[in-house]
Protein backbone atom coordinates (compact mmCIF):
# COMPACT_ATOMS: atom_id res chain seq x y z
CA MET A 1 153.77 228.81 189.10
CA ASP A 2 152.55 225.27 188.50
CA ILE A 3 149.43 226.16 190.47
CA LEU A 4 148.71 229.04 188.07
CA LEU A 5 149.13 226.81 185.03
CA GLN A 6 146.83 224.16 186.49
CA LYS A 7 144.15 226.74 187.23
CA SER A 8 144.48 228.11 183.71
CA GLU A 9 144.13 224.67 182.14
CA ARG A 10 141.03 223.90 184.22
CA LEU A 11 139.30 227.20 183.40
CA VAL A 12 140.10 226.96 179.69
CA ARG A 13 138.81 223.42 179.53
CA LYS A 14 135.50 224.40 181.18
CA VAL A 15 134.68 227.46 179.07
CA GLN A 16 131.93 227.07 176.46
CA MET A 17 132.77 227.91 172.84
CA ASN A 18 129.35 227.84 171.18
CA LYS A 19 128.80 231.63 171.38
CA GLN A 20 131.16 234.60 171.59
CA ARG A 21 130.56 238.25 172.38
CA TYR A 22 130.65 240.85 169.58
CA LEU A 23 134.18 241.99 170.46
CA TYR A 24 135.73 238.55 169.92
CA ASP A 25 136.01 238.93 166.15
CA LYS A 26 136.91 242.62 166.25
CA ILE A 27 140.11 242.23 168.28
CA LEU A 28 143.35 242.11 166.31
CA TRP A 29 144.64 239.16 168.29
CA ASN A 30 148.09 239.17 166.66
CA ASN A 31 149.05 242.46 168.28
CA ARG A 32 151.79 242.03 170.89
CA LEU A 33 150.06 244.05 173.62
CA ILE A 34 146.27 244.21 173.84
CA GLY A 35 144.14 245.79 176.54
CA ILE A 36 140.40 245.25 177.09
CA LYS A 37 138.46 247.52 179.45
CA GLY A 38 134.89 247.08 180.56
CA ALA A 39 132.51 247.10 183.49
CA ARG A 40 132.47 244.19 185.86
CA GLY A 41 130.17 241.46 184.58
CA VAL A 42 130.21 242.15 180.82
CA GLY A 43 132.20 239.01 179.96
CA LYS A 44 135.88 240.00 179.67
CA SER A 45 137.19 236.92 181.48
CA THR A 46 135.12 234.55 179.34
CA LEU A 47 136.43 236.27 176.22
CA LEU A 48 140.05 235.56 177.21
CA LEU A 49 139.36 231.95 178.12
CA GLN A 50 137.54 231.33 174.84
CA LYS A 51 140.48 232.69 172.86
CA LEU A 52 142.91 230.48 174.77
CA ARG A 53 140.76 227.44 174.13
CA GLN A 54 140.67 228.30 170.43
CA LEU A 55 144.48 228.47 170.36
CA LYS A 56 144.74 224.84 171.60
CA MET A 57 148.14 225.44 173.18
CA PRO A 58 149.38 223.84 176.44
CA PRO A 59 149.24 226.12 179.52
CA GLY A 60 153.03 226.22 179.65
CA GLN A 61 152.97 228.10 176.34
CA ALA A 62 149.71 230.08 176.62
CA SER A 63 148.20 230.78 180.01
CA TYR A 64 145.45 232.74 181.79
CA TRP A 65 146.19 234.40 185.14
CA THR A 66 143.83 236.55 187.18
CA LEU A 67 145.72 239.12 189.22
CA ASP A 68 143.30 239.07 192.13
CA ASP A 69 144.50 235.51 192.80
CA LEU A 70 145.97 235.08 196.29
CA PHE A 71 149.11 233.81 194.59
CA PHE A 72 150.00 237.37 193.62
CA SER A 73 149.57 238.73 197.14
CA ASN A 74 153.20 237.77 197.82
CA ALA A 75 154.55 236.99 194.33
CA SER A 76 155.91 239.39 191.75
CA LEU A 77 154.01 239.49 188.46
CA ALA A 78 157.15 240.37 186.49
CA GLU A 79 159.26 237.64 188.07
CA THR A 80 156.54 235.01 187.64
CA ALA A 81 156.06 236.02 184.00
CA GLN A 82 159.82 235.90 183.40
CA ARG A 83 159.92 232.35 184.69
CA PHE A 84 156.92 231.50 182.48
CA TYR A 85 158.77 232.91 179.47
CA ASN A 86 162.06 231.14 180.29
CA GLU A 87 160.21 227.82 180.51
CA GLY A 88 158.64 228.25 177.07
CA GLY A 89 155.68 230.57 177.63
CA ARG A 90 154.82 232.91 174.76
CA ILE A 91 151.20 234.07 175.30
CA LEU A 92 150.02 235.50 178.60
CA PHE A 93 146.45 236.56 179.31
CA LEU A 94 146.20 238.71 182.45
CA ASP A 95 142.76 239.35 183.97
CA GLU A 96 141.77 242.02 186.54
CA VAL A 97 145.09 243.87 186.23
CA HIS A 98 143.82 246.83 188.26
CA LYS A 99 143.88 244.58 191.34
CA TYR A 100 147.68 244.37 191.22
CA PRO A 101 149.66 247.41 192.46
CA GLY A 102 152.01 248.79 189.82
CA TRP A 103 150.59 246.53 187.12
CA SER A 104 151.39 248.94 184.29
CA GLN A 105 155.10 249.05 185.19
CA HIS A 106 155.31 245.25 185.28
CA ILE A 107 153.59 244.91 181.90
CA LYS A 108 155.74 247.64 180.37
CA ASN A 109 158.91 245.89 181.55
CA LEU A 110 157.77 242.55 180.12
CA TYR A 111 156.77 244.17 176.84
CA ASP A 112 160.15 245.89 176.47
CA GLN A 113 162.20 242.89 177.58
CA TYR A 114 160.60 240.09 175.54
CA ASP A 115 159.70 240.98 171.97
CA ASP A 116 158.18 237.54 171.32
CA LEU A 117 155.91 237.50 174.37
CA GLN A 118 152.30 238.45 173.68
CA ILE A 119 150.31 239.97 176.54
CA VAL A 120 146.56 240.48 176.58
CA PHE A 121 145.20 242.17 179.70
CA THR A 122 141.77 243.14 180.97
CA GLY A 123 140.85 245.67 183.58
CA SER A 124 138.03 247.68 185.04
CA SER A 125 136.50 250.37 182.89
CA VAL A 126 137.72 252.90 185.47
CA ILE A 127 141.41 252.48 184.60
CA ASP A 128 143.01 255.10 182.39
CA ILE A 129 146.29 253.74 181.07
CA SER A 130 147.41 257.21 179.96
CA LYS A 131 147.29 258.29 183.61
CA GLU A 132 149.06 255.28 185.09
CA GLU A 133 152.58 255.65 186.45
CA VAL A 134 153.71 254.12 183.17
CA ASP A 135 151.79 255.17 180.08
CA LEU A 136 151.01 252.09 177.99
CA SER A 137 148.78 253.95 175.54
CA ARG A 138 151.52 254.11 172.88
CA ARG A 139 152.21 250.39 173.19
CA ALA A 140 148.82 248.76 173.78
CA LEU A 141 145.96 248.30 171.36
CA MET A 142 142.96 249.15 173.57
CA TYR A 143 139.35 247.99 173.32
CA ILE A 144 136.27 248.84 175.38
CA MET A 145 133.74 246.07 175.94
CA ALA A 146 130.07 246.98 176.37
CA GLY A 147 127.29 244.79 177.70
CA MET A 148 125.12 242.63 175.47
CA SER A 149 123.12 244.22 172.69
CA TYR A 150 119.53 243.17 172.12
CA ARG A 151 120.76 241.11 169.15
CA GLU A 152 123.30 239.27 171.31
CA TYR A 153 120.76 238.62 174.05
CA LEU A 154 118.36 236.96 171.61
CA ASN A 155 121.20 234.87 170.23
CA PHE A 156 122.68 233.82 173.58
CA LYS A 157 119.43 233.09 175.42
CA TYR A 158 117.00 231.96 172.72
CA ASP A 159 119.36 230.92 169.93
CA ILE A 160 117.68 233.39 167.57
CA GLN A 161 120.29 234.03 164.90
CA LEU A 162 120.08 237.66 163.82
CA PRO A 163 122.48 239.57 161.57
CA VAL A 164 124.19 242.79 162.53
CA ILE A 165 122.28 245.62 160.85
CA PRO A 166 124.59 248.57 160.05
CA PHE A 167 123.47 251.99 161.24
CA LYS A 168 123.19 253.43 157.73
CA MET A 169 120.90 250.56 156.77
CA ILE A 170 118.65 251.07 159.81
CA ILE A 171 118.01 254.73 158.99
CA ASP A 172 117.80 254.33 155.20
CA PRO A 173 114.11 254.42 154.12
CA GLN A 174 115.04 252.58 150.91
CA SER A 175 116.70 249.68 152.74
CA ASP A 176 114.51 246.65 153.22
CA TRP A 177 116.52 245.13 156.07
CA ARG A 178 113.38 243.35 157.24
CA GLU A 179 114.20 240.72 154.63
CA LYS A 180 117.30 239.80 156.68
CA MET A 181 115.19 238.73 159.67
CA PRO A 182 114.32 235.04 160.20
CA GLU A 183 110.86 233.93 159.16
CA GLY A 184 108.40 234.26 162.01
CA PHE A 185 110.66 236.51 164.07
CA ARG A 186 108.71 238.76 166.43
CA PRO A 187 111.09 241.58 167.35
CA LEU A 188 109.21 242.82 170.42
CA GLU A 189 108.56 239.42 171.99
CA PHE A 190 111.52 239.62 174.38
CA PHE A 191 112.25 243.33 174.30
CA SER A 192 110.82 244.14 177.75
CA GLU A 193 112.74 241.19 179.16
CA TYR A 194 115.97 242.53 177.68
CA LEU A 195 115.36 245.97 179.19
CA ARG A 196 115.03 244.34 182.60
CA GLN A 197 117.86 241.82 182.54
CA GLY A 198 119.51 241.47 179.15
CA TYR A 199 122.56 243.75 179.27
CA TYR A 200 124.81 241.66 181.55
CA PRO A 201 125.72 238.13 180.42
CA PHE A 202 125.48 236.72 183.94
CA SER A 203 121.69 237.04 183.69
CA LEU A 204 121.86 233.94 181.49
CA GLU A 205 123.26 231.91 184.38
CA ASP A 206 120.80 232.83 187.14
CA GLU A 207 117.69 234.65 186.04
CA SER A 208 115.98 234.58 189.43
CA GLY A 209 119.01 235.96 191.26
CA PHE A 210 119.99 238.51 188.63
CA ALA A 211 118.71 241.64 190.40
CA MET A 212 120.47 240.79 193.66
CA ARG A 213 123.68 239.92 191.85
CA LEU A 214 123.62 243.19 189.89
CA GLN A 215 123.16 245.14 193.13
CA GLN A 216 126.23 243.37 194.50
CA VAL A 217 128.19 244.17 191.34
CA ILE A 218 127.33 247.86 191.70
CA ARG A 219 128.60 247.93 195.28
CA ILE A 220 131.83 246.11 194.36
CA ILE A 221 132.48 248.55 191.52
CA VAL A 222 132.04 251.58 193.75
CA GLU A 223 133.61 250.23 196.94
CA TYR A 224 136.57 248.35 195.43
CA ASP A 225 137.15 248.97 191.72
CA MET A 226 137.08 252.74 192.19
CA ALA A 227 140.36 252.41 194.11
CA ALA A 228 142.03 252.20 190.67
CA ILE A 229 141.18 255.88 190.06
CA LYS A 230 144.17 257.82 191.32
CA SER A 231 142.24 260.98 192.17
CA PHE A 232 139.40 259.23 194.01
CA ASP A 233 139.52 258.74 197.77
CA ILE A 234 137.97 255.32 198.30
CA ARG A 235 136.80 256.50 201.74
CA ASN A 236 134.16 258.50 199.85
CA ALA A 237 132.70 255.40 198.21
CA GLN A 238 129.54 255.59 200.30
CA LYS A 239 128.92 259.15 199.12
CA LEU A 240 129.39 258.01 195.54
CA LEU A 241 126.82 255.26 196.03
CA GLN A 242 124.45 257.81 197.53
CA LEU A 243 124.97 260.06 194.49
CA LEU A 244 124.24 257.12 192.16
CA TYR A 245 120.92 256.38 193.89
CA ILE A 246 119.94 260.06 193.76
CA LEU A 247 120.68 260.16 190.03
CA SER A 248 118.85 256.91 189.34
CA ALA A 249 115.63 258.32 190.78
CA ASN A 250 115.72 261.28 188.40
CA VAL A 251 117.46 260.29 185.16
CA PRO A 252 117.45 261.34 182.44
CA PHE A 253 117.57 264.93 183.64
CA LYS A 254 119.52 268.16 183.45
CA PRO A 255 121.67 268.26 186.57
CA ASN A 256 121.57 271.05 189.09
CA ILE A 257 125.07 270.82 190.54
CA SER A 258 124.32 272.82 193.70
CA GLU A 259 121.26 270.70 194.48
CA LEU A 260 123.14 267.46 193.81
CA ALA A 261 125.95 268.59 196.12
CA ILE A 262 123.52 269.27 198.96
CA ARG A 263 121.61 266.00 198.56
CA SER A 264 124.73 263.81 198.21
CA GLU A 265 126.84 265.74 200.76
CA ILE A 266 129.62 266.06 198.18
CA HIS A 267 131.28 269.45 197.79
CA ARG A 268 129.93 271.25 194.71
CA ASN A 269 133.50 271.89 193.49
CA THR A 270 134.08 268.13 193.15
CA ILE A 271 130.60 266.90 192.17
CA THR A 272 131.42 267.05 188.44
CA ASN A 273 134.49 264.87 189.00
CA TYR A 274 132.32 262.35 190.85
CA LEU A 275 129.91 262.24 187.93
CA HIS A 276 132.84 261.37 185.67
CA PHE A 277 133.92 258.65 188.10
CA LEU A 278 130.47 257.07 187.77
CA GLU A 279 130.67 257.34 183.99
CA ASP A 280 134.13 255.73 183.94
CA ALA A 281 132.63 252.87 185.95
CA GLN A 282 129.92 252.47 183.25
CA LEU A 283 127.18 253.16 185.77
CA VAL A 284 125.94 256.44 184.27
CA ARG A 285 126.23 258.13 180.89
CA LEU A 286 126.93 261.86 180.60
CA ALA A 287 125.65 263.67 177.52
CA TYR A 288 126.79 267.10 176.38
CA PRO A 289 125.44 269.70 173.96
CA ALA A 290 126.23 268.87 170.35
CA GLY A 291 129.49 270.20 168.95
CA ILE A 292 131.43 270.86 172.15
CA SER A 293 134.62 269.19 173.33
CA VAL A 294 134.15 267.27 176.56
CA SER A 295 136.09 268.22 179.68
CA THR A 296 135.89 266.93 183.23
CA LEU A 297 135.33 270.54 184.24
CA GLN A 298 132.11 270.83 182.27
CA LYS A 299 128.66 270.13 183.58
CA PRO A 300 126.83 267.60 181.39
CA GLU A 301 123.64 268.61 179.63
CA LYS A 302 121.89 265.38 180.64
CA ILE A 303 122.64 262.34 182.78
CA PHE A 304 121.40 258.82 181.98
CA LEU A 305 121.97 255.48 183.61
CA ASN A 306 124.43 253.42 181.57
CA ASN A 307 121.81 250.79 180.66
CA THR A 308 118.22 249.88 181.39
CA ASN A 309 119.04 246.94 183.69
CA LEU A 310 120.44 249.42 186.20
CA ALA A 311 117.15 251.30 186.22
CA TYR A 312 115.30 248.21 187.43
CA VAL A 313 117.62 247.61 190.40
CA LEU A 314 118.37 251.23 191.34
CA ALA A 315 115.14 253.08 190.58
CA THR A 316 112.43 250.46 190.97
CA ASP A 317 109.79 252.99 191.99
CA THR A 318 110.53 255.62 189.34
CA THR A 319 111.26 253.57 186.22
CA ASP A 320 109.00 254.65 183.36
CA LYS A 321 108.83 253.94 179.64
CA GLY A 322 110.19 257.32 178.62
CA ASN A 323 113.34 256.85 180.68
CA LEU A 324 113.80 253.30 179.41
CA ARG A 325 113.44 254.33 175.77
CA GLU A 326 116.15 256.96 175.92
CA THR A 327 118.45 254.87 178.10
CA PHE A 328 118.19 251.91 175.72
CA PHE A 329 118.84 254.05 172.66
CA ALA A 330 121.89 255.66 174.27
CA SER A 331 123.34 252.37 175.54
CA GLN A 332 123.16 250.71 172.12
CA MET A 333 124.24 253.69 170.02
CA ALA A 334 127.15 254.80 172.20
CA VAL A 335 129.13 251.65 171.33
CA ASN A 336 129.78 252.85 167.76
CA HIS A 337 128.78 256.52 167.78
CA GLN A 338 129.40 259.80 169.52
CA LEU A 339 126.17 261.00 171.13
CA GLY A 340 125.20 264.55 172.06
CA ILE A 341 122.14 266.59 172.96
CA PRO A 342 120.83 268.74 170.07
CA LYS A 343 118.89 272.00 170.30
CA ARG A 344 115.84 270.16 169.00
CA GLY A 345 115.27 266.46 169.53
CA ASP A 346 116.56 263.95 172.08
CA PHE A 347 119.92 262.88 170.62
CA ILE A 348 122.34 263.74 167.87
CA ALA A 349 124.72 261.03 166.67
CA ASP A 350 128.13 261.85 165.18
CA ASN A 351 127.14 265.55 165.07
CA LYS A 352 124.91 264.78 162.09
CA TYR A 353 121.88 262.53 162.74
CA VAL A 354 119.10 263.86 164.99
CA PHE A 355 116.69 261.51 166.78
CA GLU A 356 113.42 262.04 168.61
CA ILE A 357 112.49 259.07 170.84
CA GLY A 358 108.95 258.20 171.96
CA GLY A 359 105.88 255.98 171.80
CA LYS A 360 103.68 255.23 168.80
CA SER A 361 101.94 258.62 169.03
CA LYS A 362 105.23 260.50 168.78
CA THR A 363 105.40 262.78 165.73
CA ASN A 364 108.33 264.43 163.98
CA LYS A 365 107.08 267.90 164.96
CA GLN A 366 110.12 268.71 167.10
CA VAL A 367 112.72 267.66 164.55
CA LYS A 368 111.02 268.15 161.18
CA GLU A 369 113.09 271.28 160.47
CA GLU A 370 116.34 269.37 161.04
CA THR A 371 118.15 267.66 158.18
CA ASN A 372 118.91 263.97 158.76
CA SER A 373 116.24 263.75 161.46
CA TYR A 374 114.39 260.59 162.51
CA THR A 375 111.56 259.64 164.83
CA VAL A 376 112.14 256.43 166.80
CA VAL A 377 109.30 254.61 168.58
CA ASP A 378 109.33 251.66 170.97
CA ASP A 379 106.13 249.82 170.03
CA GLN A 380 106.61 249.22 166.31
CA ASP A 381 107.83 246.00 164.71
CA TYR A 382 109.30 247.39 161.49
CA PRO A 383 109.87 250.81 159.90
CA VAL A 384 107.01 252.56 158.16
CA THR A 385 107.23 256.32 158.59
CA LYS A 386 109.05 255.93 161.91
CA LEU A 387 111.97 253.76 162.98
CA PRO A 388 111.51 250.96 165.54
CA LEU A 389 113.54 251.43 168.71
CA TRP A 390 114.52 247.76 169.02
CA ALA A 391 116.37 247.91 165.66
CA PHE A 392 119.11 250.02 167.26
CA GLY A 393 119.91 246.96 169.35
CA MET A 394 121.04 245.17 166.17
CA GLU A 395 124.12 247.33 165.51
CA TYR A 396 126.59 245.06 167.32
């Protein structure tokens, strides 16, 4: 165990504290069992290490362990944690829990046995704790971590300090939120750059190698992380990758299940499940008609890529502005809102607010009969009669 504590101390000491992701201040860190889910590469590990550094406790009392460490290939998590506790440990941060077989049972046992041991764990977005062998959903306070917003990207890369603009303020014609922006701020200066490489924090480390690294991340998610889904046969990972590439060349679109089954060589009776697997992995986003309850048995109304960065590495020949507009809007809004497809317009948020997305020539013709309807355009600095698309990247 000394090796684990030494690794933890080294990683905590190295982590930078000058900037934290949006979720850092939203987590109720005093809860005894906390879970954080998210796609690979969105910054979950850094979040844990930053919190440990803030605590300023020795590794024997508060420690970070990643469960894909070779140490745990022949060591019991529960037994190692029990020793940690008996020697004075009280806070345990566990990363990549889905890599450890039976992880939920081990965590449940530790939670029940030691009422003064705090556990914070992270895992792939594909895990569903309510479907694990041991259901932790009644014990754990769960959070989902998205990639960087446009606001965060400007802050992290260019040190442009921008406030969070609440949704109601963005859509309120009487709200002069422009006054909250820094003097001289040009909101569209880096917008295209964000669409290409701003969603994943690792773009800040290696801009030139970002596209290749994101392609590798996609393969790892499908070929390895998907093993955490109980009903998915990992031997079909190649078919799932093939389905993802087919979707990326066409999104956003209304899916034809029979055609998708033929092109991907996946049986049409299981194609809808595979679409949900890709959504769980935060690679695609499924949208349904407004006002219906979502079921894995239902065909989605539209399919989008999860974020615009994926479009540039998966669909390099078919990426167009219309696709990017809608994908960006959905990726930013879905963090705090329920999105659906209305009868008129492109999106409906929270079953109330209808949005039509387009370029500067877009009119409100399609949605003018709808109450609470808005036209959103991608080439406008600030609201006049239409709302600027980039502003929806300020919500978190």
